[in-house]
């Protein structure tokens, strides 16, 4: 398990896929989930990218949202208090244009009451197009983690989301763990393009086998590092596959856009004996 972050369920809502929480709360109490990972929060408000932002492909979803959000002050003033009122265990996803911005946002979130953990989003498939730091190189990712970890309150868990890059994911996981990460989130979108050629991410069923391979590689190489799996998880069988590969928890994302009850159903399904 993740030190400092007890999870009553191994099913988490992935960043950006549960909205602000208000959208998902209509289908199941937010306390149902192991944790609710917020949309990615930057220092300043972000308007997001131009439409279309999401396009369906035969094997998943293409998305180039530009990560719209209220900025840190807006999040602290409105979204965080509401999530806490709902009984959600809140993991705040963080993005930044620079290492310094990551560190500043995390330092201030670390002082905010009720934040259960932070998740550095270093898995952006279109970081440059979105005007954010490109952390695909492990040494850059480690630099972000080291800068953030220096100023975090003792005991506040730090998760780091990594790209599902089969060739380098173990190197990246090892590097960020040495820099101070308490756990890694392995999976998420692959770099792709919208039909009009704009950089985008591809998520959903297409990335699930890649994510599973990455999770298996990391858990085999780094058995003491907690791994949270993400990437195309859509039912209880998918979740069991990732847990069997060594993940301590799973995040459900794209499937929620088709069926907002998916994560709650998976959480309930994992409490039952496999058929």
C-alpha atoms as a PDB file:
ATOM      1  CA  UNK A   1       0.000   0.000   0.000  1.00  0.00           C
ATOM      2  CA  UNK A   2       0.963   3.647  -0.245  1.00  0.00           C
ATOM      3  CA  UNK A   3       2.613   4.947   2.929  1.00  0.00           C
ATOM      4  CA  UNK A   4       0.408   7.554   4.589  1.00  0.00           C
ATOM      5  CA  UNK A   5      -2.539   6.991   2.259  1.00  0.00           C
ATOM      6  CA  UNK A   6      -4.894   4.291   3.530  1.00  0.00           C
ATOM      7  CA  UNK A   7      -7.317   3.247   0.791  1.00  0.00           C
ATOM      8  CA  UNK A   8     -10.647   1.697   1.802  1.00  0.00           C
ATOM      9  CA  UNK A   9     -11.007   0.599  -1.826  1.00  0.00           C
ATOM     10  CA  UNK A  10      -8.283  -0.052  -4.418  1.00  0.00           C
ATOM     11  CA  UNK A  11     -10.334   1.832  -7.030  1.00  0.00           C
ATOM     12  CA  UNK A  12      -9.497   5.497  -7.568  1.00  0.00           C
ATOM     13  CA  UNK A  13     -11.029   8.026  -9.935  1.00  0.00           C
ATOM     14  CA  UNK A  14      -8.340   9.135 -12.392  1.00  0.00           C
ATOM     15  CA  UNK A  15      -7.368  12.770 -12.800  1.00  0.00           C
ATOM     16  CA  UNK A  16      -9.559  14.781 -15.105  1.00  0.00           C
ATOM     17  CA  UNK A  17     -12.165  12.065 -15.605  1.00  0.00           C
ATOM     18  CA  UNK A  18     -14.457  12.784 -12.661  1.00  0.00           C
ATOM     19  CA  UNK A  19     -14.846  16.468 -13.413  1.00  0.00           C
ATOM     20  CA  UNK A  20     -14.900  18.558 -10.289  1.00  0.00           C
ATOM     21  CA  UNK A  21     -16.599  15.688  -8.443  1.00  0.00           C
ATOM     22  CA  UNK A  22     -20.059  17.216  -8.739  1.00  0.00           C
ATOM     23  CA  UNK A  23     -20.693  15.374 -11.993  1.00  0.00           C
ATOM     24  CA  UNK A  24     -19.705  11.975 -10.580  1.00  0.00           C
ATOM     25  CA  UNK A  25     -21.407  12.388  -7.201  1.00  0.00           C
ATOM     26  CA  UNK A  26     -24.794  12.046  -8.880  1.00  0.00           C
ATOM     27  CA  UNK A  27     -24.035   8.354  -9.524  1.00  0.00           C
ATOM     28  CA  UNK A  28     -22.335   7.190  -6.302  1.00  0.00           C
ATOM     29  CA  UNK A  29     -21.069   8.852  -3.111  1.00  0.00           C
ATOM     30  CA  UNK A  30     -17.510  10.041  -3.572  1.00  0.00           C
ATOM     31  CA  UNK A  31     -16.606   8.172  -0.391  1.00  0.00           C
ATOM     32  CA  UNK A  32     -17.191   4.985  -2.444  1.00  0.00           C
ATOM     33  CA  UNK A  33     -13.778   5.305  -4.022  1.00  0.00           C
ATOM     34  CA  UNK A  34     -10.355   4.744  -2.581  1.00  0.00           C
ATOM     35  CA  UNK A  35      -9.633   8.334  -3.528  1.00  0.00           C
ATOM     36  CA  UNK A  36     -10.792  11.009  -5.910  1.00  0.00           C
ATOM     37  CA  UNK A  37      -7.940  12.394  -7.993  1.00  0.00           C
ATOM     38  CA  UNK A  38      -8.834  15.914  -9.053  1.00  0.00           C
ATOM     39  CA  UNK A  39      -8.372  17.425 -12.454  1.00  0.00           C
ATOM     40  CA  UNK A  40      -4.848  18.738 -12.834  1.00  0.00           C
ATOM     41  CA  UNK A  41      -4.376  22.053 -11.046  1.00  0.00           C
ATOM     42  CA  UNK A  42      -1.919  24.691 -12.210  1.00  0.00           C
ATOM     43  CA  UNK A  43      -0.859  27.870 -10.443  1.00  0.00           C
ATOM     44  CA  UNK A  44      -3.014  30.131 -12.631  1.00  0.00           C
ATOM     45  CA  UNK A  45      -6.419  29.522 -14.227  1.00  0.00           C
ATOM     46  CA  UNK A  46      -6.282  27.786 -17.594  1.00  0.00           C
ATOM     47  CA  UNK A  47      -8.965  28.304 -20.277  1.00  0.00           C
ATOM     48  CA  UNK A  48      -8.277  25.016 -22.048  1.00  0.00           C
ATOM     49  CA  UNK A  49      -7.748  24.345 -25.723  1.00  0.00           C
ATOM     50  CA  UNK A  50      -9.978  25.069 -28.718  1.00  0.00           C
ATOM     51  CA  UNK A  51     -12.714  22.657 -29.779  1.00  0.00           C
ATOM     52  CA  UNK A  52     -13.007  19.885 -30.572  1.00  0.00           C
ATOM     53  CA  UNK A  53     -11.248  18.711 -27.413  1.00  0.00           C
ATOM     54  CA  UNK A  54     -12.371  15.081 -27.412  1.00  0.00           C
ATOM     55  CA  UNK A  55     -12.843  12.845 -30.446  1.00  0.00           C
ATOM     56  CA  UNK A  56     -13.829   9.204 -30.391  1.00  0.00           C
ATOM     57  CA  UNK A  57     -11.573   6.738 -32.185  1.00  0.00           C
ATOM     58  CA  UNK A  58     -12.299   3.065 -32.943  1.00  0.00           C
ATOM     59  CA  UNK A  59     -10.237   1.985 -29.933  1.00  0.00           C
ATOM     60  CA  UNK A  60     -10.546   4.784 -27.415  1.00  0.00           C
ATOM     61  CA  UNK A  61     -10.710   8.524 -27.023  1.00  0.00           C
ATOM     62  CA  UNK A  62      -8.458  11.198 -28.451  1.00  0.00           C
ATOM     63  CA  UNK A  63      -8.265  14.279 -26.294  1.00  0.00           C
ATOM     64  CA  UNK A  64      -6.541  17.643 -26.382  1.00  0.00           C
ATOM     65  CA  UNK A  65      -8.297  19.515 -23.599  1.00  0.00           C
ATOM     66  CA  UNK A  66      -5.509  21.910 -22.725  1.00  0.00           C
ATOM     67  CA  UNK A  67      -6.217  21.014 -19.078  1.00  0.00           C
ATOM     68  CA  UNK A  68      -8.753  23.751 -18.250  1.00  0.00           C
ATOM     69  CA  UNK A  69      -8.963  24.623 -14.587  1.00  0.00           C
ATOM     70  CA  UNK A  70      -9.608  27.338 -12.027  1.00  0.00           C
ATOM     71  CA  UNK A  71      -6.014  27.705 -10.906  1.00  0.00           C
ATOM     72  CA  UNK A  72      -4.782  27.079  -7.401  1.00  0.00           C
ATOM     73  CA  UNK A  73      -6.749  29.857  -5.669  1.00  0.00           C
ATOM     74  CA  UNK A  74      -9.990  28.898  -7.389  1.00  0.00           C
ATOM     75  CA  UNK A  75      -9.486  25.250  -6.515  1.00  0.00           C
ATOM     76  CA  UNK A  76      -8.827  26.001  -2.857  1.00  0.00           C
ATOM     77  CA  UNK A  77     -11.802  28.332  -2.649  1.00  0.00           C
ATOM     78  CA  UNK A  78     -14.446  26.162  -4.296  1.00  0.00           C
ATOM     79  CA  UNK A  79     -13.569  22.660  -5.430  1.00  0.00           C
ATOM     80  CA  UNK A  80     -11.544  21.371  -2.481  1.00  0.00           C
ATOM     81  CA  UNK A  81     -14.074  22.409   0.230  1.00  0.00           C
ATOM     82  CA  UNK A  82     -16.926  20.816  -1.715  1.00  0.00           C
ATOM     83  CA  UNK A  83     -15.037  17.538  -2.225  1.00  0.00           C
ATOM     84  CA  UNK A  84     -14.213  17.353   1.473  1.00  0.00           C
ATOM     85  CA  UNK A  85     -17.849  17.949   2.383  1.00  0.00           C
ATOM     86  CA  UNK A  86     -18.725  14.879   0.314  1.00  0.00           C
ATOM     87  CA  UNK A  87     -16.350  12.675   2.294  1.00  0.00           C
ATOM     88  CA  UNK A  88     -13.933  12.234  -0.620  1.00  0.00           C
ATOM     89  CA  UNK A  89     -10.301  11.346   0.015  1.00  0.00           C
ATOM     90  CA  UNK A  90      -8.780  14.047  -2.157  1.00  0.00           C
ATOM     91  CA  UNK A  91      -5.609  13.485  -4.131  1.00  0.00           C
ATOM     92  CA  UNK A  92      -4.736  16.678  -5.984  1.00  0.00           C
ATOM     93  CA  UNK A  93      -3.233  16.295  -9.438  1.00  0.00           C
ATOM     94  CA  UNK A  94      -0.702  19.037 -10.194  1.00  0.00           C
ATOM     95  CA  UNK A  95       0.746  20.394 -13.427  1.00  0.00           C
ATOM     96  CA  UNK A  96       3.123  23.249 -14.096  1.00  0.00           C
ATOM     97  CA  UNK A  97       4.920  25.099 -16.836  1.00  0.00           C
ATOM     98  CA  UNK A  98       8.185  24.969 -14.888  1.00  0.00           C
ATOM     99  CA  UNK A  99       9.759  23.016 -12.073  1.00  0.00           C
ATOM    100  CA  UNK A 100       9.328  26.079  -9.885  1.00  0.00           C
ATOM    101  CA  UNK A 101       5.598  26.179 -10.604  1.00  0.00           C
ATOM    102  CA  UNK A 102       5.203  22.532  -9.638  1.00  0.00           C
ATOM    103  CA  UNK A 103       7.046  23.236  -6.391  1.00  0.00           C
ATOM    104  CA  UNK A 104       5.017  26.362  -5.602  1.00  0.00           C
ATOM    105  CA  UNK A 105       1.637  24.733  -6.199  1.00  0.00           C
ATOM    106  CA  UNK A 106       2.580  21.683  -4.142  1.00  0.00           C
ATOM    107  CA  UNK A 107       4.032  23.748  -1.302  1.00  0.00           C
ATOM    108  CA  UNK A 108       0.756  25.646  -0.936  1.00  0.00           C
ATOM    109  CA  UNK A 109      -1.399  22.540  -1.322  1.00  0.00           C
ATOM    110  CA  UNK A 110       0.675  20.873   1.345  1.00  0.00           C
ATOM    111  CA  UNK A 111      -0.617  23.440   3.832  1.00  0.00           C
ATOM    112  CA  UNK A 112      -4.255  23.048   2.775  1.00  0.00           C
ATOM    113  CA  UNK A 113      -6.363  21.098   5.298  1.00  0.00           C
ATOM    114  CA  UNK A 114      -7.890  17.909   3.978  1.00  0.00           C
ATOM    115  CA  UNK A 115      -5.537  17.129   1.100  1.00  0.00           C
ATOM    116  CA  UNK A 116      -4.780  13.401   1.409  1.00  0.00           C
ATOM    117  CA  UNK A 117      -1.956  13.260  -1.141  1.00  0.00           C
ATOM    118  CA  UNK A 118      -0.510  14.940  -4.212  1.00  0.00           C
ATOM    119  CA  UNK A 119      -0.091  13.440  -7.657  1.00  0.00           C
ATOM    120  CA  UNK A 120       2.429  15.072  -9.981  1.00  0.00           C
ATOM    121  CA  UNK A 121       1.130  14.739 -13.520  1.00  0.00           C
ATOM    122  CA  UNK A 122       4.318  14.047 -15.476  1.00  0.00           C
ATOM    123  CA  UNK A 123       2.560  11.847 -18.017  1.00  0.00           C
ATOM    124  CA  UNK A 124       1.174  14.526 -20.291  1.00  0.00           C
ATOM    125  CA  UNK A 125       1.113  13.256 -23.890  1.00  0.00           C
ATOM    126  CA  UNK A 126       0.958  16.787 -25.309  1.00  0.00           C
ATOM    127  CA  UNK A 127       2.780  18.881 -22.714  1.00  0.00           C
ATOM    128  CA  UNK A 128       4.492  21.238 -25.146  1.00  0.00           C
ATOM    129  CA  UNK A 129       1.290  21.976 -27.047  1.00  0.00           C
ATOM    130  CA  UNK A 130      -0.459  22.633 -23.728  1.00  0.00           C
ATOM    131  CA  UNK A 131       2.260  25.044 -22.612  1.00  0.00           C
ATOM    132  CA  UNK A 132       3.389  22.801 -19.763  1.00  0.00           C
ATOM    133  CA  UNK A 133       6.682  21.256 -18.736  1.00  0.00           C
ATOM    134  CA  UNK A 134       7.743  18.311 -20.864  1.00  0.00           C
ATOM    135  CA  UNK A 135       8.928  15.745 -18.310  1.00  0.00           C
ATOM    136  CA  UNK A 136       9.305  12.721 -20.545  1.00  0.00           C
ATOM    137  CA  UNK A 137      13.035  12.495 -19.757  1.00  0.00           C
ATOM    138  CA  UNK A 138      13.512  10.744 -16.415  1.00  0.00           C
ATOM    139  CA  UNK A 139      16.098  13.262 -15.225  1.00  0.00           C
ATOM    140  CA  UNK A 140      13.602  16.086 -15.754  1.00  0.00           C
ATOM    141  CA  UNK A 141      10.925  14.152 -13.890  1.00  0.00           C
ATOM    142  CA  UNK A 142      13.333  13.518 -11.038  1.00  0.00           C
ATOM    143  CA  UNK A 143      14.138  17.226 -10.909  1.00  0.00           C
ATOM    144  CA  UNK A 144      10.470  18.049 -10.448  1.00  0.00           C
ATOM    145  CA  UNK A 145      10.055  15.451  -7.720  1.00  0.00           C
ATOM    146  CA  UNK A 146      13.139  16.587  -5.830  1.00  0.00           C
ATOM    147  CA  UNK A 147      12.033  20.232  -5.938  1.00  0.00           C
ATOM    148  CA  UNK A 148       8.550  19.354  -4.719  1.00  0.00           C
ATOM    149  CA  UNK A 149       9.627  16.897  -2.028  1.00  0.00           C
ATOM    150  CA  UNK A 150      11.925  19.434  -0.368  1.00  0.00           C
ATOM    151  CA  UNK A 151       9.042  21.617   0.797  1.00  0.00           C
ATOM    152  CA  UNK A 152       6.269  19.101   1.446  1.00  0.00           C
ATOM    153  CA  UNK A 153       5.005  18.564   4.975  1.00  0.00           C
ATOM    154  CA  UNK A 154       6.278  15.354   6.521  1.00  0.00           C
ATOM    155  CA  UNK A 155       3.895  12.482   5.961  1.00  0.00           C
ATOM    156  CA  UNK A 156       2.008  13.909   2.959  1.00  0.00           C
ATOM    157  CA  UNK A 157       2.241  11.193   0.277  1.00  0.00           C
ATOM    158  CA  UNK A 158       3.650  12.166  -3.100  1.00  0.00           C
ATOM    159  CA  UNK A 159       2.518  10.150  -6.122  1.00  0.00           C
ATOM    160  CA  UNK A 160       4.091  10.618  -9.535  1.00  0.00           C
ATOM    161  CA  UNK A 161       2.217   9.781 -12.726  1.00  0.00           C
ATOM    162  CA  UNK A 162       4.462   8.435 -15.474  1.00  0.00           C
ATOM    163  CA  UNK A 163       3.895   7.797 -19.154  1.00  0.00           C
ATOM    164  CA  UNK A 164       3.260   4.195 -20.203  1.00  0.00           C
ATOM    165  CA  UNK A 165       6.575   4.090 -22.069  1.00  0.00           C
ATOM    166  CA  UNK A 166       7.516   0.413 -22.135  1.00  0.00           C
ATOM    167  CA  UNK A 167      11.151   1.101 -22.960  1.00  0.00           C
ATOM    168  CA  UNK A 168      11.841   3.623 -20.173  1.00  0.00           C
ATOM    169  CA  UNK A 169       9.166   3.257 -17.548  1.00  0.00           C
ATOM    170  CA  UNK A 170      11.356   1.296 -15.139  1.00  0.00           C
ATOM    171  CA  UNK A 171      14.130   3.866 -15.460  1.00  0.00           C
ATOM    172  CA  UNK A 172      11.625   6.656 -14.862  1.00  0.00           C
ATOM    173  CA  UNK A 173      10.046   4.921 -11.867  1.00  0.00           C
ATOM    174  CA  UNK A 174      13.390   4.204 -10.259  1.00  0.00           C
ATOM    175  CA  UNK A 175      14.591   7.770 -10.811  1.00  0.00           C
ATOM    176  CA  UNK A 176      11.531   9.473  -9.334  1.00  0.00           C
ATOM    177  CA  UNK A 177      11.493   7.066  -6.383  1.00  0.00           C
ATOM    178  CA  UNK A 178      15.096   7.947  -5.613  1.00  0.00           C
ATOM    179  CA  UNK A 179      14.126  11.632  -5.849  1.00  0.00           C
ATOM    180  CA  UNK A 180      11.383  11.287  -3.237  1.00  0.00           C
ATOM    181  CA  UNK A 181       8.225   9.792  -4.748  1.00  0.00           C
ATOM    182  CA  UNK A 182       6.240   7.560  -2.376  1.00  0.00           C
ATOM    183  CA  UNK A 183       4.422   5.803  -5.226  1.00  0.00           C
ATOM    184  CA  UNK A 184       4.092   5.917  -8.982  1.00  0.00           C
ATOM    185  CA  UNK A 185       1.009   5.938 -11.166  1.00  0.00           C
ATOM    186  CA  UNK A 186       1.788   3.989 -14.306  1.00  0.00           C
ATOM    187  CA  UNK A 187      -0.385   4.360 -17.353  1.00  0.00           C
ATOM    188  CA  UNK A 188      -2.520   7.062 -18.855  1.00  0.00           C
ATOM    189  CA  UNK A 189      -2.650   8.417 -22.359  1.00  0.00           C
ATOM    190  CA  UNK A 190      -0.272   7.708 -25.202  1.00  0.00           C
ATOM    191  CA  UNK A 191       0.887  10.542 -27.504  1.00  0.00           C
ATOM    192  CA  UNK A 192      -1.362  10.744 -30.555  1.00  0.00           C
ATOM    193  CA  UNK A 193      -3.008  13.317 -32.818  1.00  0.00           C
ATOM    194  CA  UNK A 194      -6.510  14.540 -33.499  1.00  0.00           C
ATOM    195  CA  UNK A 195      -7.824  14.118 -37.056  1.00  0.00           C
ATOM    196  CA  UNK A 196      -6.877  17.756 -37.730  1.00  0.00           C
ATOM    197  CA  UNK A 197      -3.273  17.012 -36.750  1.00  0.00           C
ATOM    198  CA  UNK A 198      -3.162  18.698 -33.345  1.00  0.00           C
ATOM    199  CA  UNK A 199      -1.159  16.875 -30.653  1.00  0.00           C
ATOM    200  CA  UNK A 200      -3.414  14.828 -28.398  1.00  0.00           C
ATOM    201  CA  UNK A 201      -3.532  11.858 -26.077  1.00  0.00           C
ATOM    202  CA  UNK A 202      -5.050   8.475 -26.812  1.00  0.00           C
ATOM    203  CA  UNK A 203      -6.656   6.686 -23.885  1.00  0.00           C
ATOM    204  CA  UNK A 204      -9.088   3.872 -23.340  1.00  0.00           C
ATOM    205  CA  UNK A 205      -8.986   0.223 -24.422  1.00  0.00           C
ATOM    206  CA  UNK A 206      -6.140   0.757 -26.890  1.00  0.00           C
ATOM    207  CA  UNK A 207      -3.638   1.595 -24.147  1.00  0.00           C
ATOM    208  CA  UNK A 208      -4.641  -1.118 -21.664  1.00  0.00           C
ATOM    209  CA  UNK A 209      -2.190  -3.814 -22.855  1.00  0.00           C
ATOM    210  CA  UNK A 210       0.646  -1.280 -22.926  1.00  0.00           C
ATOM    211  CA  UNK A 211      -0.174  -0.085 -19.434  1.00  0.00           C
ATOM    212  CA  UNK A 212      -0.356  -3.649 -18.147  1.00  0.00           C
ATOM    213  CA  UNK A 213       3.082  -4.394 -19.580  1.00  0.00           C
ATOM    214  CA  UNK A 214       4.469  -1.244 -17.955  1.00  0.00           C
ATOM    215  CA  UNK A 215       2.963  -2.089 -14.579  1.00  0.00           C
ATOM    216  CA  UNK A 216       4.381  -5.606 -14.733  1.00  0.00           C
ATOM    217  CA  UNK A 217       7.826  -4.278 -15.660  1.00  0.00           C
ATOM    218  CA  UNK A 218       7.892  -1.776 -12.798  1.00  0.00           C
ATOM    219  CA  UNK A 219       6.566  -4.090 -10.116  1.00  0.00           C
ATOM    220  CA  UNK A 220       9.059  -6.793 -11.126  1.00  0.00           C
ATOM    221  CA  UNK A 221      12.023  -4.437 -11.125  1.00  0.00           C
ATOM    222  CA  UNK A 222      11.014  -2.365  -8.082  1.00  0.00           C
ATOM    223  CA  UNK A 223       8.971  -4.625  -5.806  1.00  0.00           C
ATOM    224  CA  UNK A 224       9.105  -2.228  -2.851  1.00  0.00           C
ATOM    225  CA  UNK A 225       7.677   0.727  -4.788  1.00  0.00           C
ATOM    226  CA  UNK A 226       3.864   1.042  -4.621  1.00  0.00           C
ATOM    227  CA  UNK A 227       2.382   1.150  -8.131  1.00  0.00           C
ATOM    228  CA  UNK A 228      -1.058   2.486  -9.001  1.00  0.00           C
ATOM    229  CA  UNK A 229      -2.208   1.306 -12.421  1.00  0.00           C
ATOM    230  CA  UNK A 230      -4.090   3.359 -14.987  1.00  0.00           C
ATOM    231  CA  UNK A 231      -4.951   2.892 -18.623  1.00  0.00           C
ATOM    232  CA  UNK A 232      -8.127   1.569 -20.191  1.00  0.00           C
ATOM    233  CA  UNK A 233      -9.517  -0.122 -17.085  1.00  0.00           C
ATOM    234  CA  UNK A 234     -13.212  -0.598 -17.789  1.00  0.00           C
ATOM    235  CA  UNK A 235     -14.435  -3.535 -15.711  1.00  0.00           C
ATOM    236  CA  UNK A 236     -13.629  -5.713 -12.726  1.00  0.00           C
ATOM    237  CA  UNK A 237     -11.667  -8.219 -14.821  1.00  0.00           C
ATOM    238  CA  UNK A 238      -9.404  -5.432 -16.079  1.00  0.00           C
ATOM    239  CA  UNK A 239      -8.805  -4.246 -12.529  1.00  0.00           C
ATOM    240  CA  UNK A 240      -8.004  -7.771 -11.343  1.00  0.00           C
ATOM    241  CA  UNK A 241      -5.429  -8.108 -14.151  1.00  0.00           C
ATOM    242  CA  UNK A 242      -3.555  -5.036 -12.997  1.00  0.00           C
ATOM    243  CA  UNK A 243      -3.746  -6.010  -9.331  1.00  0.00           C
ATOM    244  CA  UNK A 244      -2.436  -9.470 -10.236  1.00  0.00           C
ATOM    245  CA  UNK A 245       0.461  -7.795 -12.022  1.00  0.00           C
ATOM    246  CA  UNK A 246       1.456  -6.195  -8.735  1.00  0.00           C
ATOM    247  CA  UNK A 247      -0.411  -2.887  -8.646  1.00  0.00           C
ATOM    248  CA  UNK A 248      -1.691  -1.876  -5.215  1.00  0.00           C
ATOM    249  CA  UNK A 249      -4.594   0.104  -6.697  1.00  0.00           C
ATOM    250  CA  UNK A 250      -6.108   1.110 -10.017  1.00  0.00           C
ATOM    251  CA  UNK A 251      -7.402   4.341 -11.472  1.00  0.00           C
ATOM    252  CA  UNK A 252     -10.473   4.441 -13.684  1.00  0.00           C
ATOM    253  CA  UNK A 253     -10.635   7.242 -16.220  1.00  0.00           C
ATOM    254  CA  UNK A 254     -11.869   7.155 -19.790  1.00  0.00           C
ATOM    255  CA  UNK A 255     -14.532   4.533 -19.084  1.00  0.00           C
ATOM    256  CA  UNK A 256     -16.270   7.071 -16.825  1.00  0.00           C
ATOM    257  CA  UNK A 257     -16.963   9.253 -19.835  1.00  0.00           C
ATOM    258  CA  UNK A 258     -19.035   6.451 -21.344  1.00  0.00           C
ATOM    259  CA  UNK A 259     -20.545   5.184 -18.083  1.00  0.00           C
ATOM    260  CA  UNK A 260     -20.161   7.289 -14.913  1.00  0.00           C
ATOM    261  CA  UNK A 261     -20.994   4.241 -12.767  1.00  0.00           C
ATOM    262  CA  UNK A 262     -17.938   2.290 -13.961  1.00  0.00           C
ATOM    263  CA  UNK A 263     -15.623   2.980 -11.032  1.00  0.00           C
ATOM    264  CA  UNK A 264     -18.337   2.287  -8.461  1.00  0.00           C
ATOM    265  CA  UNK A 265     -19.215  -0.996 -10.179  1.00  0.00           C
ATOM    266  CA  UNK A 266     -15.563  -2.052 -10.245  1.00  0.00           C
ATOM    267  CA  UNK A 267     -15.163  -1.166  -6.570  1.00  0.00           C
ATOM    268  CA  UNK A 268     -18.170  -3.320  -5.717  1.00  0.00           C
ATOM    269  CA  UNK A 269     -17.024  -6.125  -8.017  1.00  0.00           C
ATOM    270  CA  UNK A 270     -13.632  -6.381  -6.354  1.00  0.00           C
ATOM    271  CA  UNK A 271     -15.299  -7.174  -3.052  1.00  0.00           C
ATOM    272  CA  UNK A 272     -16.811 -10.321  -4.599  1.00  0.00           C
ATOM    273  CA  UNK A 273     -15.105 -13.628  -5.296  1.00  0.00           C
ATOM    274  CA  UNK A 274     -13.862 -13.978  -8.911  1.00  0.00           C
ATOM    275  CA  UNK A 275     -16.256 -16.026 -11.032  1.00  0.00           C
END
